[in-house]
């Protein structure tokens, strides 16, 4: 039995160290000798990149709060027509990749787009100097587009927090004749601060790691600096230094969020009957709330999806090509492989923690989950550094044995993409399996040991049948996230290898979004699956 336990312990720590190694490699490379390219960037463009990054994050967070907070409160605390539909419709923009929404909005709002053409024909304007129109291809435009697709993070978390608040507090506020605004400002908002902090952190990290949208809008950020330094200057060391700076910023976000709520505790519980605490909106307030919520869904999801659908039908014959089919198979293969590996990894680290039970066994789970906070562009640097070294080592050994050079078997194949996907999304599988495993009673473990089951047999015959649904959801979530991942795939793809995400990005970058509409719709439809699962889980809890 002890030998089996050592097997799970060794496997858990091996997986954890492999997944955290790319992050350590970034810092190790960044602390090396000074680099002339990095020094040149620091003296010239890096201050501008840093300012744009901070402005992008702050602007996206503020706009996401403006979009997410009011809608969360309206859905949790007010009675509205079509509210059942709105509750899940407001989550749908999360399935829409930001760069796709950005391409569509620039087509609509550019000088040659339908919006400005209509305004010129309506008012008789002849030249661009005759009127002023906001430039969407700007830092502000990037913030707006990213906020449209990221606000559901705040909406989901804050809405759940509002619905879990004590009914007695809200009823007491009414007895004290507090208006809905005062009740929101003085009770609901302060109690929801932990959820707001978590949502803001998620939005900030997603905005910090975005590449597709800011690249198309020509907004230079630290993420684009990593990409340009690696591929433009062919300098991995300078890219590693920039990546290390970004990682420090991300760890600062995470630490600040946890520090801000370190002493906050919640002991209130919601009563069973919450129907009488919701406000019934009437008149202009009802119509204003409906226009706001449905307008947000329309701008962030419905209108872009309709445009993509039109393009897909109009250009179907040009989009349905052998390349599209091949790249779809490529995405399926790497995503399914990453999902299977991530589920196995999640089972190993969680089962080791269950067997051990002490606080130290929690470390492999935390180490394995660090990659989720790392942007794909930065993670690609961390993956490439050790894989390149491994390739050199294998080739040197092969040459010393008189064999031919095997080539780039790690960094030059799909192994690099799969490894990056596992590092990036292992936390998703670990969290889902951990949630399912905690629901299995410890008495079943004791009964299994009494019947003489070893740890492996206990996992196979007792735990796996009980957590089968959790493992399936974990694999599904990793599969979907891997299908949509753009940043890591752009930097790590082998020659003549494309995924659906890179395929769409290449067409859209060449101003040929019409040909990318069909694969883009496929990515959106795939992205809707986890949103349905999340919404169903929230409905079951509430």
Protein backbone atom coordinates (compact mmCIF):
# COMPACT_ATOMS: atom_id res chain seq x y z
CA UNK A 1 0.00 0.00 0.00
CA UNK A 2 2.87 2.31 0.82
CA UNK A 3 4.45 1.63 -2.58
CA UNK A 4 1.18 2.65 -4.27
CA UNK A 5 1.06 5.84 -2.21
CA UNK A 6 4.63 6.69 -3.24
CA UNK A 7 3.60 6.12 -6.85
CA UNK A 8 0.79 8.71 -6.58
CA UNK A 9 3.07 11.11 -4.72
CA UNK A 10 5.86 10.84 -7.29
CA UNK A 11 3.42 11.20 -10.17
CA UNK A 12 1.73 14.22 -8.60
CA UNK A 13 4.95 16.10 -7.94
CA UNK A 14 6.38 15.17 -11.36
CA UNK A 15 3.33 16.61 -13.13
CA UNK A 16 3.39 19.73 -10.95
CA UNK A 17 7.08 20.43 -11.58
CA UNK A 18 6.69 19.87 -15.33
CA UNK A 19 3.83 22.36 -15.48
CA UNK A 20 5.54 25.03 -13.38
CA UNK A 21 8.86 24.63 -15.20
CA UNK A 22 7.95 26.98 -18.10
CA UNK A 23 7.23 29.77 -15.61
CA UNK A 24 10.52 29.18 -13.82
CA UNK A 25 12.31 29.10 -17.17
CA UNK A 26 11.05 32.59 -18.00
CA UNK A 27 12.47 34.08 -14.81
CA UNK A 28 15.70 32.10 -15.08
CA UNK A 29 16.26 33.34 -18.64
CA UNK A 30 15.23 36.89 -17.75
CA UNK A 31 17.80 37.07 -14.94
CA UNK A 32 20.63 36.18 -17.32
CA UNK A 33 23.04 38.55 -18.96
CA UNK A 34 21.86 41.95 -20.13
CA UNK A 35 20.51 42.05 -23.65
CA UNK A 36 21.14 44.86 -26.15
CA UNK A 37 17.73 44.51 -27.78
CA UNK A 38 15.96 44.69 -24.42
CA UNK A 39 18.05 47.70 -23.43
CA UNK A 40 17.19 49.41 -26.70
CA UNK A 41 13.47 48.70 -26.17
CA UNK A 42 13.62 50.03 -22.60
CA UNK A 43 15.19 53.28 -23.79
CA UNK A 44 12.81 53.81 -26.71
CA UNK A 45 9.37 52.20 -26.95
CA UNK A 46 8.94 50.26 -23.71
CA UNK A 47 7.51 53.21 -21.70
CA UNK A 48 4.85 53.65 -24.39
CA UNK A 49 4.09 49.91 -24.37
CA UNK A 50 3.79 49.94 -20.58
CA UNK A 51 1.50 52.98 -20.61
CA UNK A 52 -0.72 51.43 -23.29
CA UNK A 53 -0.91 48.20 -21.31
CA UNK A 54 -1.94 49.95 -18.09
CA UNK A 55 -4.44 52.13 -19.96
CA UNK A 56 -5.87 49.10 -21.76
CA UNK A 57 -6.34 47.16 -18.53
CA UNK A 58 -7.82 50.08 -16.60
CA UNK A 59 -10.13 51.12 -19.46
CA UNK A 60 -11.34 47.57 -20.06
CA UNK A 61 -11.99 47.01 -16.35
CA UNK A 62 -13.92 50.28 -15.95
CA UNK A 63 -16.09 49.63 -19.01
CA UNK A 64 -16.66 46.02 -17.94
CA UNK A 65 -17.84 47.27 -14.56
CA UNK A 66 -20.18 49.72 -16.28
CA UNK A 67 -21.61 46.87 -18.37
CA UNK A 68 -21.57 44.08 -15.80
CA UNK A 69 -22.61 45.65 -12.48
CA UNK A 70 -25.97 47.18 -13.53
CA UNK A 71 -27.00 44.08 -15.46
CA UNK A 72 -26.06 41.79 -12.56
CA UNK A 73 -28.16 43.85 -10.14
CA UNK A 74 -31.11 44.06 -12.54
CA UNK A 75 -31.12 40.30 -13.11
CA UNK A 76 -30.74 39.47 -9.41
CA UNK A 77 -32.96 42.11 -7.79
CA UNK A 78 -35.60 43.16 -10.33
CA UNK A 79 -38.57 41.64 -12.11
CA UNK A 80 -38.43 42.20 -15.86
CA UNK A 81 -40.15 40.75 -18.90
CA UNK A 82 -37.98 38.09 -20.59
CA UNK A 83 -35.71 37.96 -17.53
CA UNK A 84 -35.32 34.16 -17.79
CA UNK A 85 -33.96 34.56 -21.29
CA UNK A 86 -31.82 37.54 -20.38
CA UNK A 87 -30.15 35.70 -17.50
CA UNK A 88 -28.32 33.36 -19.89
CA UNK A 89 -28.26 35.68 -22.92
CA UNK A 90 -26.09 38.17 -21.03
CA UNK A 91 -23.43 35.46 -20.69
CA UNK A 92 -23.23 34.69 -24.42
CA UNK A 93 -20.68 37.40 -25.36
CA UNK A 94 -18.06 35.41 -23.47
CA UNK A 95 -18.13 32.86 -26.31
CA UNK A 96 -17.28 35.52 -28.91
CA UNK A 97 -13.51 35.98 -29.45
CA UNK A 98 -12.57 39.62 -28.94
CA UNK A 99 -10.58 39.94 -32.16
CA UNK A 100 -13.58 38.79 -34.22
CA UNK A 101 -15.82 41.41 -32.60
CA UNK A 102 -13.10 43.99 -33.20
CA UNK A 103 -12.86 43.14 -36.91
CA UNK A 104 -16.65 43.37 -37.32
CA UNK A 105 -16.94 46.69 -35.49
CA UNK A 106 -14.17 48.28 -37.51
CA UNK A 107 -15.92 47.18 -40.70
CA UNK A 108 -19.13 48.77 -39.46
CA UNK A 109 -17.70 52.02 -38.10
CA UNK A 110 -14.79 52.78 -40.44
CA UNK A 111 -15.02 55.65 -42.92
CA UNK A 112 -16.04 53.21 -45.65
CA UNK A 113 -18.36 51.30 -43.33
CA UNK A 114 -22.18 51.36 -43.45
CA UNK A 115 -22.59 53.57 -40.36
CA UNK A 116 -20.56 56.50 -41.67
CA UNK A 117 -21.92 56.07 -45.20
CA UNK A 118 -25.44 56.36 -43.81
CA UNK A 119 -24.55 59.47 -41.77
CA UNK A 120 -22.94 61.18 -44.77
CA UNK A 121 -25.96 60.47 -46.95
CA UNK A 122 -28.35 61.60 -44.20
CA UNK A 123 -26.66 64.93 -43.42
CA UNK A 124 -25.05 65.68 -46.77
CA UNK A 125 -21.47 65.51 -45.51
CA UNK A 126 -18.88 65.20 -48.26
CA UNK A 127 -15.48 64.84 -46.57
CA UNK A 128 -14.08 63.53 -43.33
CA UNK A 129 -13.38 67.11 -42.28
CA UNK A 130 -17.09 67.93 -42.36
CA UNK A 131 -17.83 65.93 -39.22
CA UNK A 132 -16.25 64.18 -36.28
CA UNK A 133 -16.56 60.44 -35.69
CA UNK A 134 -14.73 58.40 -33.03
CA UNK A 135 -11.83 56.31 -34.30
CA UNK A 136 -12.43 52.70 -33.30
CA UNK A 137 -8.90 51.67 -34.30
CA UNK A 138 -7.49 53.18 -31.14
CA UNK A 139 -6.75 52.39 -27.53
CA UNK A 140 -10.26 53.43 -26.52
CA UNK A 141 -11.77 51.26 -29.24
CA UNK A 142 -9.76 48.26 -28.03
CA UNK A 143 -10.99 48.83 -24.46
CA UNK A 144 -14.59 49.03 -25.69
CA UNK A 145 -14.39 45.83 -27.75
CA UNK A 146 -12.65 43.86 -25.00
CA UNK A 147 -15.17 45.08 -22.41
CA UNK A 148 -18.03 43.86 -24.62
CA UNK A 149 -16.73 40.29 -24.55
CA UNK A 150 -15.26 40.25 -21.02
CA UNK A 151 -17.99 41.88 -18.92
CA UNK A 152 -19.74 38.46 -18.40
CA UNK A 153 -16.96 37.57 -15.95
CA UNK A 154 -18.16 40.36 -13.68
CA UNK A 155 -21.82 39.76 -14.48
CA UNK A 156 -21.71 36.06 -13.57
CA UNK A 157 -19.81 36.45 -10.31
CA UNK A 158 -21.61 39.55 -9.07
CA UNK A 159 -25.06 38.26 -9.98
CA UNK A 160 -24.38 35.10 -7.98
CA UNK A 161 -23.17 37.24 -5.06
CA UNK A 162 -26.31 39.41 -5.18
CA UNK A 163 -28.55 36.33 -5.19
CA UNK A 164 -26.75 34.83 -2.18
CA UNK A 165 -27.17 37.92 -0.01
CA UNK A 166 -29.37 37.77 3.08
CA UNK A 167 -33.01 38.51 2.38
CA UNK A 168 -33.44 39.87 5.90
CA UNK A 169 -30.96 42.67 5.20
CA UNK A 170 -32.78 43.71 2.06
CA UNK A 171 -36.15 43.59 3.83
CA UNK A 172 -34.73 45.68 6.68
CA UNK A 173 -33.56 48.25 4.15
CA UNK A 174 -37.08 48.50 2.80
CA UNK A 175 -38.52 48.94 6.28
CA UNK A 176 -36.09 51.82 6.76
CA UNK A 177 -37.46 53.29 3.49
CA UNK A 178 -34.25 52.92 1.54
CA UNK A 179 -34.71 53.49 -2.18
CA UNK A 180 -33.48 50.81 -4.60
CA UNK A 181 -30.42 52.96 -5.31
CA UNK A 182 -29.61 53.33 -1.60
CA UNK A 183 -30.13 49.60 -1.04
CA UNK A 184 -27.75 48.87 -3.92
CA UNK A 185 -25.12 51.39 -2.82
CA UNK A 186 -25.15 50.75 0.93
CA UNK A 187 -25.92 47.02 1.19
CA UNK A 188 -25.67 44.99 -2.02
CA UNK A 189 -22.51 46.58 -3.43
CA UNK A 190 -20.35 46.35 -0.25
CA UNK A 191 -21.38 42.73 0.34
CA UNK A 192 -20.54 41.82 -3.26
CA UNK A 193 -17.04 43.32 -3.09
CA UNK A 194 -15.20 39.95 -3.02
CA UNK A 195 -17.03 38.80 -6.16
CA UNK A 196 -16.32 42.16 -7.83
CA UNK A 197 -12.64 41.86 -6.97
CA UNK A 198 -12.41 38.37 -8.47
CA UNK A 199 -14.26 39.48 -11.61
CA UNK A 200 -12.05 42.55 -12.02
CA UNK A 201 -8.94 40.37 -11.66
CA UNK A 202 -10.15 37.99 -14.37
CA UNK A 203 -10.99 40.86 -16.74
CA UNK A 204 -7.64 42.53 -16.05
CA UNK A 205 -5.65 39.37 -16.75
CA UNK A 206 -7.60 38.64 -19.95
CA UNK A 207 -7.06 42.21 -21.17
CA UNK A 208 -3.38 42.06 -20.27
CA UNK A 209 -2.89 38.85 -22.26
CA UNK A 210 -4.95 39.79 -25.31
CA UNK A 211 -3.07 39.82 -28.58
CA UNK A 212 -5.55 39.47 -31.45
CA UNK A 213 -7.61 42.58 -30.72
CA UNK A 214 -4.78 44.96 -29.84
CA UNK A 215 -2.70 43.73 -32.78
CA UNK A 216 -5.49 44.47 -35.23
CA UNK A 217 -6.15 47.88 -33.65
CA UNK A 218 -2.41 48.69 -33.82
CA UNK A 219 -2.21 49.26 -30.06
CA UNK A 220 1.28 48.34 -28.88
CA UNK A 221 1.20 46.61 -25.49
CA UNK A 222 3.57 44.34 -23.60
CA UNK A 223 1.89 41.34 -25.23
CA UNK A 224 2.60 42.62 -28.73
CA UNK A 225 6.12 43.50 -27.56
CA UNK A 226 6.74 39.85 -26.64
CA UNK A 227 5.43 38.71 -30.02
CA UNK A 228 7.41 41.28 -32.03
CA UNK A 229 10.62 40.77 -30.05
CA UNK A 230 10.55 37.03 -30.58
CA UNK A 231 9.50 36.92 -34.23
CA UNK A 232 10.71 40.36 -35.36
CA UNK A 233 14.07 40.54 -33.61
CA UNK A 234 14.46 36.72 -33.24
CA UNK A 235 15.55 37.40 -29.68
CA UNK A 236 14.19 34.93 -27.15
CA UNK A 237 16.10 36.47 -24.23
CA UNK A 238 14.59 39.93 -24.62
CA UNK A 239 11.15 38.36 -25.03
CA UNK A 240 11.72 36.43 -21.79
CA UNK A 241 12.56 39.64 -19.93
CA UNK A 242 9.36 41.30 -21.12
CA UNK A 243 7.42 38.16 -20.23
CA UNK A 244 8.87 38.22 -16.72
CA UNK A 245 7.65 41.80 -16.29
CA UNK A 246 4.16 40.73 -17.34
CA UNK A 247 4.20 37.79 -14.93
CA UNK A 248 5.13 40.09 -12.06
CA UNK A 249 2.19 42.34 -12.97
CA UNK A 250 -0.16 39.34 -13.05
CA UNK A 251 1.06 38.03 -9.69
CA UNK A 252 0.54 41.54 -8.32
CA UNK A 253 -3.10 41.47 -9.51
CA UNK A 254 -3.70 38.08 -7.92
CA UNK A 255 -1.98 39.00 -4.65
CA UNK A 256 -3.83 42.31 -4.41
CA UNK A 257 -7.18 40.60 -4.92
CA UNK A 258 -6.49 38.04 -2.20
CA UNK A 259 -5.00 40.62 0.16
CA UNK A 260 -8.04 42.89 -0.22
CA UNK A 261 -10.38 40.23 1.16
CA UNK A 262 -8.06 38.41 3.56
CA UNK A 263 -10.13 39.31 6.64
CA UNK A 264 -13.56 39.39 5.09
CA UNK A 265 -15.98 36.66 6.14
CA UNK A 266 -19.57 36.00 5.19
CA UNK A 267 -21.98 34.35 7.59
CA UNK A 268 -25.29 35.49 6.11
CA UNK A 269 -27.38 32.97 4.23
CA UNK A 270 -30.21 33.51 1.83
CA UNK A 271 -33.70 32.52 2.89
CA UNK A 272 -35.68 30.04 0.81
CA UNK A 273 -38.31 32.55 -0.27
CA UNK A 274 -36.76 35.39 -2.21
CA UNK A 275 -39.67 36.34 -4.42
CA UNK A 276 -40.77 39.31 -2.32
CA UNK A 277 -37.40 41.09 -2.30
CA UNK A 278 -37.24 41.74 -6.03
CA UNK A 279 -38.27 45.14 -7.29
CA UNK A 280 -40.99 45.23 -9.93
CA UNK A 281 -39.98 47.86 -12.47
CA UNK A 282 -42.72 49.75 -14.26
CA UNK A 283 -43.04 52.47 -16.85
CA UNK A 284 -39.93 54.10 -18.24
CA UNK A 285 -37.68 52.30 -15.73
CA UNK A 286 -38.79 48.92 -17.07
CA UNK A 287 -38.21 49.94 -20.68
CA UNK A 288 -34.86 51.54 -19.88
CA UNK A 289 -33.69 48.34 -18.16
CA UNK A 290 -34.86 46.19 -21.08
CA UNK A 291 -33.20 48.43 -23.66
CA UNK A 292 -29.97 48.41 -21.66
CA UNK A 293 -29.82 44.62 -21.19
CA UNK A 294 -30.99 43.59 -24.66
CA UNK A 295 -28.91 46.33 -26.25
CA UNK A 296 -25.83 44.96 -24.54
CA UNK A 297 -26.61 41.42 -25.73
CA UNK A 298 -27.27 42.69 -29.24
CA UNK A 299 -24.08 44.76 -29.50
CA UNK A 300 -21.82 42.08 -27.99
CA UNK A 301 -23.30 38.90 -29.46
CA UNK A 302 -26.44 38.98 -31.64
CA UNK A 303 -25.35 41.55 -34.25
CA UNK A 304 -21.81 40.10 -34.65
CA UNK A 305 -23.23 36.56 -34.93
CA UNK A 306 -25.78 37.66 -37.55
CA UNK A 307 -23.02 39.32 -39.56
CA UNK A 308 -20.89 36.18 -39.37
CA UNK A 309 -23.89 34.09 -40.40
CA UNK A 310 -24.48 36.30 -43.42
CA UNK A 311 -20.82 36.03 -44.45
CA UNK A 312 -20.84 32.25 -43.91
CA UNK A 313 -23.87 31.76 -46.18
CA UNK A 314 -22.72 34.25 -48.82
CA UNK A 315 -19.19 32.86 -49.05
CA UNK A 316 -19.86 29.23 -48.15
CA UNK A 317 -18.40 27.78 -51.35
CA UNK A 318 -15.19 29.74 -50.85
CA UNK A 319 -14.96 28.87 -47.14
CA UNK A 320 -15.71 25.15 -47.35
CA UNK A 321 -12.25 24.16 -48.54
CA UNK A 322 -9.91 21.22 -47.90
CA UNK A 323 -7.78 23.58 -45.78
CA UNK A 324 -10.74 24.38 -43.52
CA UNK A 325 -11.42 20.67 -43.01
CA UNK A 326 -7.74 19.92 -42.34
CA UNK A 327 -7.34 22.76 -39.86
CA UNK A 328 -10.53 21.67 -38.10
CA UNK A 329 -9.04 18.19 -37.72
CA UNK A 330 -5.80 19.75 -36.45
CA UNK A 331 -7.71 21.67 -33.78
CA UNK A 332 -9.70 18.60 -32.81
CA UNK A 333 -6.58 16.46 -32.45
CA UNK A 334 -4.50 18.85 -30.33
CA UNK A 335 -7.51 19.88 -28.21
CA UNK A 336 -8.65 16.32 -27.50
CA UNK A 337 -5.09 15.25 -26.67
CA UNK A 338 -4.63 18.21 -24.31
CA UNK A 339 -8.00 17.49 -22.67
CA UNK A 340 -7.18 13.81 -22.03
CA UNK A 341 -3.76 14.65 -20.57
CA UNK A 342 -5.23 17.42 -18.39
CA UNK A 343 -7.91 15.08 -17.01
CA UNK A 344 -5.31 12.43 -16.17
CA UNK A 345 -3.18 15.08 -14.49
CA UNK A 346 -6.16 16.38 -12.53
CA UNK A 347 -6.98 12.87 -11.32
CA UNK A 348 -3.41 12.22 -10.20
CA UNK A 349 -2.88 15.42 -8.18
CA UNK A 350 -6.36 15.36 -6.62
CA UNK A 351 -6.22 11.68 -5.71
CA UNK A 352 -2.78 12.13 -4.12
CA UNK A 353 -4.20 14.94 -1.99
CA UNK A 354 -7.10 12.70 -0.97
CA UNK A 355 -4.75 9.86 -0.01
CA UNK A 356 -2.36 12.10 1.93
CA UNK A 357 -4.70 14.62 3.53
CA UNK A 358 -2.08 16.98 4.95
CA UNK A 359 -1.57 20.59 3.91
CA UNK A 360 1.65 19.85 2.02
CA UNK A 361 -0.23 17.67 -0.48
CA UNK A 362 -2.06 20.80 -1.63
CA UNK A 363 1.16 22.15 -3.18
CA UNK A 364 1.07 20.05 -6.41
CA UNK A 365 -2.47 21.31 -7.08
CA UNK A 366 -1.45 24.94 -6.63
CA UNK A 367 1.71 24.57 -8.70
CA UNK A 368 -0.14 22.80 -11.50
CA UNK A 369 -2.74 25.58 -11.59
CA UNK A 370 -0.31 28.50 -11.95
CA UNK A 371 -0.29 28.34 -15.74
CA UNK A 372 -3.92 29.44 -15.99
CA UNK A 373 -2.94 32.94 -14.89
CA UNK A 374 -0.23 33.23 -17.56
CA UNK A 375 -1.18 34.81 -20.93
CA UNK A 376 -0.74 32.54 -23.92
CA UNK A 377 1.97 34.71 -25.48
CA UNK A 378 4.04 34.68 -22.30
CA UNK A 379 3.45 30.98 -21.80
CA UNK A 380 4.70 30.28 -25.32
CA UNK A 381 8.05 31.85 -24.33
CA UNK A 382 8.20 29.71 -21.19
CA UNK A 383 7.41 26.57 -23.18
CA UNK A 384 9.86 27.29 -25.98
CA UNK A 385 12.86 27.83 -23.68
CA UNK A 386 12.99 24.34 -22.08
CA UNK A 387 11.80 22.55 -25.23
CA UNK A 388 14.56 24.16 -27.31
CA UNK A 389 17.13 23.10 -24.73
CA UNK A 390 15.69 19.57 -24.75
CA UNK A 391 15.97 19.45 -28.55
CA UNK A 392 19.61 20.53 -28.44
CA UNK A 393 20.34 17.91 -25.78
CA UNK A 394 18.69 15.11 -27.76
CA UNK A 395 20.53 16.10 -30.94
CA UNK A 396 23.88 16.28 -29.13
CA UNK A 397 23.34 12.83 -27.62
CA UNK A 398 22.33 11.42 -31.01
CA UNK A 399 25.45 12.89 -32.65
CA UNK A 400 27.71 11.53 -29.90
CA UNK A 401 26.27 8.05 -30.49
CA UNK A 402 26.93 8.31 -34.20
CA UNK A 403 23.27 8.68 -35.11
CA UNK A 404 21.75 11.31 -37.36
CA UNK A 405 20.23 14.48 -35.99
CA UNK A 406 16.53 13.83 -35.20
CA UNK A 407 15.73 17.54 -35.57
CA UNK A 408 13.33 19.61 -33.50
CA UNK A 409 11.21 16.81 -32.07
CA UNK A 410 9.84 18.93 -29.20
CA UNK A 411 9.86 22.62 -30.14
CA UNK A 412 9.23 22.04 -33.86
CA UNK A 413 6.21 19.73 -33.62
CA UNK A 414 2.68 19.80 -32.25
CA UNK A 415 4.13 18.57 -28.96
CA UNK A 416 4.87 22.20 -28.09
CA UNK A 417 1.24 23.30 -28.66
CA UNK A 418 -0.20 20.37 -26.69
CA UNK A 419 2.22 20.97 -23.82
CA UNK A 420 1.32 24.67 -23.76
CA UNK A 421 -2.41 23.89 -23.74
CA UNK A 422 -1.97 21.47 -20.84
CA UNK A 423 0.07 23.99 -18.83
CA UNK A 424 -2.46 26.75 -19.59
CA UNK A 425 -5.69 24.88 -18.90
CA UNK A 426 -4.77 22.16 -16.41
CA UNK A 427 -6.25 24.34 -13.66
CA UNK A 428 -9.68 24.02 -15.29
CA UNK A 429 -9.54 20.21 -15.15
CA UNK A 430 -8.07 20.18 -11.65
CA UNK A 431 -10.79 22.45 -10.29
CA UNK A 432 -13.63 20.48 -11.86
CA UNK A 433 -12.31 17.11 -10.66
CA UNK A 434 -11.57 18.53 -7.21
CA UNK A 435 -15.17 19.71 -6.89
CA UNK A 436 -16.49 16.26 -7.84
CA UNK A 437 -14.05 14.40 -5.63
CA UNK A 438 -14.92 16.41 -2.51
CA UNK A 439 -18.51 15.17 -2.82
CA UNK A 440 -17.40 11.54 -2.41
CA UNK A 441 -17.75 10.54 1.23
CA UNK A 442 -14.48 9.57 3.01
CA UNK A 443 -16.35 6.58 4.45
CA UNK A 444 -16.19 4.99 1.00
CA UNK A 445 -12.39 5.20 1.14
CA UNK A 446 -12.34 3.49 4.55
CA UNK A 447 -14.75 0.81 3.35
CA UNK A 448 -12.58 0.18 0.28
CA UNK A 449 -9.47 -0.20 2.41
CA UNK A 450 -11.33 -2.59 4.72
CA UNK A 451 -12.22 -4.73 1.69
CA UNK A 452 -8.54 -4.88 0.72
CA UNK A 453 -8.58 -2.50 -2.28
CA UNK A 454 -5.28 -0.87 -3.11
CA UNK A 455 -5.26 2.82 -4.01
CA UNK A 456 -5.32 2.20 -7.77
CA UNK A 457 -8.19 -0.27 -7.51
CA UNK A 458 -10.06 2.10 -5.20
CA UNK A 459 -9.78 4.92 -7.74
CA UNK A 460 -10.83 2.68 -10.63
CA UNK A 461 -13.74 0.86 -8.98
CA UNK A 462 -15.04 3.40 -6.44
CA UNK A 463 -14.10 6.97 -7.28
CA UNK A 464 -14.09 7.02 -11.09
CA UNK A 465 -17.71 5.84 -11.45
CA UNK A 466 -18.80 8.53 -8.97
CA UNK A 467 -16.82 11.40 -10.50
CA UNK A 468 -17.28 10.35 -14.12
CA UNK A 469 -19.47 13.35 -14.86
CA UNK A 470 -16.94 15.75 -13.31
CA UNK A 471 -14.14 14.22 -15.40
CA UNK A 472 -16.25 14.55 -18.54
CA UNK A 473 -16.99 18.22 -17.83
CA UNK A 474 -13.30 18.83 -17.04
CA UNK A 475 -12.21 17.32 -20.35
CA UNK A 476 -14.91 19.21 -22.22
CA UNK A 477 -13.87 22.56 -20.74
CA UNK A 478 -10.18 22.00 -21.52
CA UNK A 479 -11.10 20.90 -25.05
CA UNK A 480 -13.13 24.07 -25.68
CA UNK A 481 -10.51 26.41 -24.23
CA UNK A 482 -7.83 24.73 -26.34
CA UNK A 483 -9.94 25.11 -29.49
CA UNK A 484 -10.19 28.87 -28.90
CA UNK A 485 -6.60 29.55 -27.78
CA UNK A 486 -4.88 31.89 -30.24
CA UNK A 487 -1.78 33.38 -28.63
CA UNK A 488 0.12 30.19 -27.81
CA UNK A 489 -0.91 28.55 -31.10
CA UNK A 490 0.37 31.51 -33.13
CA UNK A 491 3.85 31.30 -31.63
CA UNK A 492 4.24 27.54 -31.21
CA UNK A 493 2.63 26.10 -34.35
CA UNK A 494 4.96 24.08 -36.60
CA UNK A 495 5.45 24.97 -40.25
CA UNK A 496 2.38 24.32 -42.42
CA UNK A 497 0.24 23.69 -39.36
CA UNK A 498 -2.80 25.81 -38.50
CA UNK A 499 -5.59 25.59 -35.97
CA UNK A 500 -9.04 27.10 -36.40
CA UNK A 501 -8.07 30.04 -34.19
CA UNK A 502 -4.94 30.88 -36.20
CA UNK A 503 -6.85 30.25 -39.45
CA UNK A 504 -9.49 32.83 -38.50
CA UNK A 505 -6.86 35.28 -37.28
CA UNK A 506 -4.86 35.09 -40.51
CA UNK A 507 -7.90 35.77 -42.70
CA UNK A 508 -9.14 38.59 -40.49
CA UNK A 509 -5.68 40.19 -40.37
CA UNK A 510 -5.73 40.23 -44.18
CA UNK A 511 -9.13 41.99 -44.12
CA UNK A 512 -10.82 38.84 -45.42
CA UNK A 513 -13.19 38.15 -42.56
CA UNK A 514 -15.83 36.92 -45.03
CA UNK A 515 -13.73 33.81 -45.68
CA UNK A 516 -13.12 33.33 -41.95
CA UNK A 517 -16.81 33.54 -40.98
CA UNK A 518 -17.50 29.80 -41.18
CA UNK A 519 -14.63 28.71 -38.89
CA UNK A 520 -15.37 31.69 -36.64
CA UNK A 521 -18.97 30.52 -36.19
CA UNK A 522 -17.66 27.05 -35.35
CA UNK A 523 -15.42 28.55 -32.65
CA UNK A 524 -18.35 30.55 -31.24
CA UNK A 525 -20.66 27.52 -31.18
CA UNK A 526 -18.00 25.47 -29.41
CA UNK A 527 -17.51 28.29 -26.91
CA UNK A 528 -21.22 28.28 -26.05
CA UNK A 529 -21.03 24.82 -24.46
CA UNK A 530 -19.27 25.83 -21.20
CA UNK A 531 -21.55 28.86 -20.89
CA UNK A 532 -24.59 26.58 -20.97
CA UNK A 533 -22.99 24.38 -18.31
CA UNK A 534 -22.18 27.37 -16.09
CA UNK A 535 -25.67 28.83 -16.44
CA UNK A 536 -27.30 25.48 -15.59
CA UNK A 537 -25.13 25.11 -12.50
CA UNK A 538 -26.10 28.61 -11.34
CA UNK A 539 -29.79 27.82 -11.85
CA UNK A 540 -29.44 24.63 -9.81
CA UNK A 541 -27.78 26.51 -6.95
CA UNK A 542 -30.36 29.26 -6.93
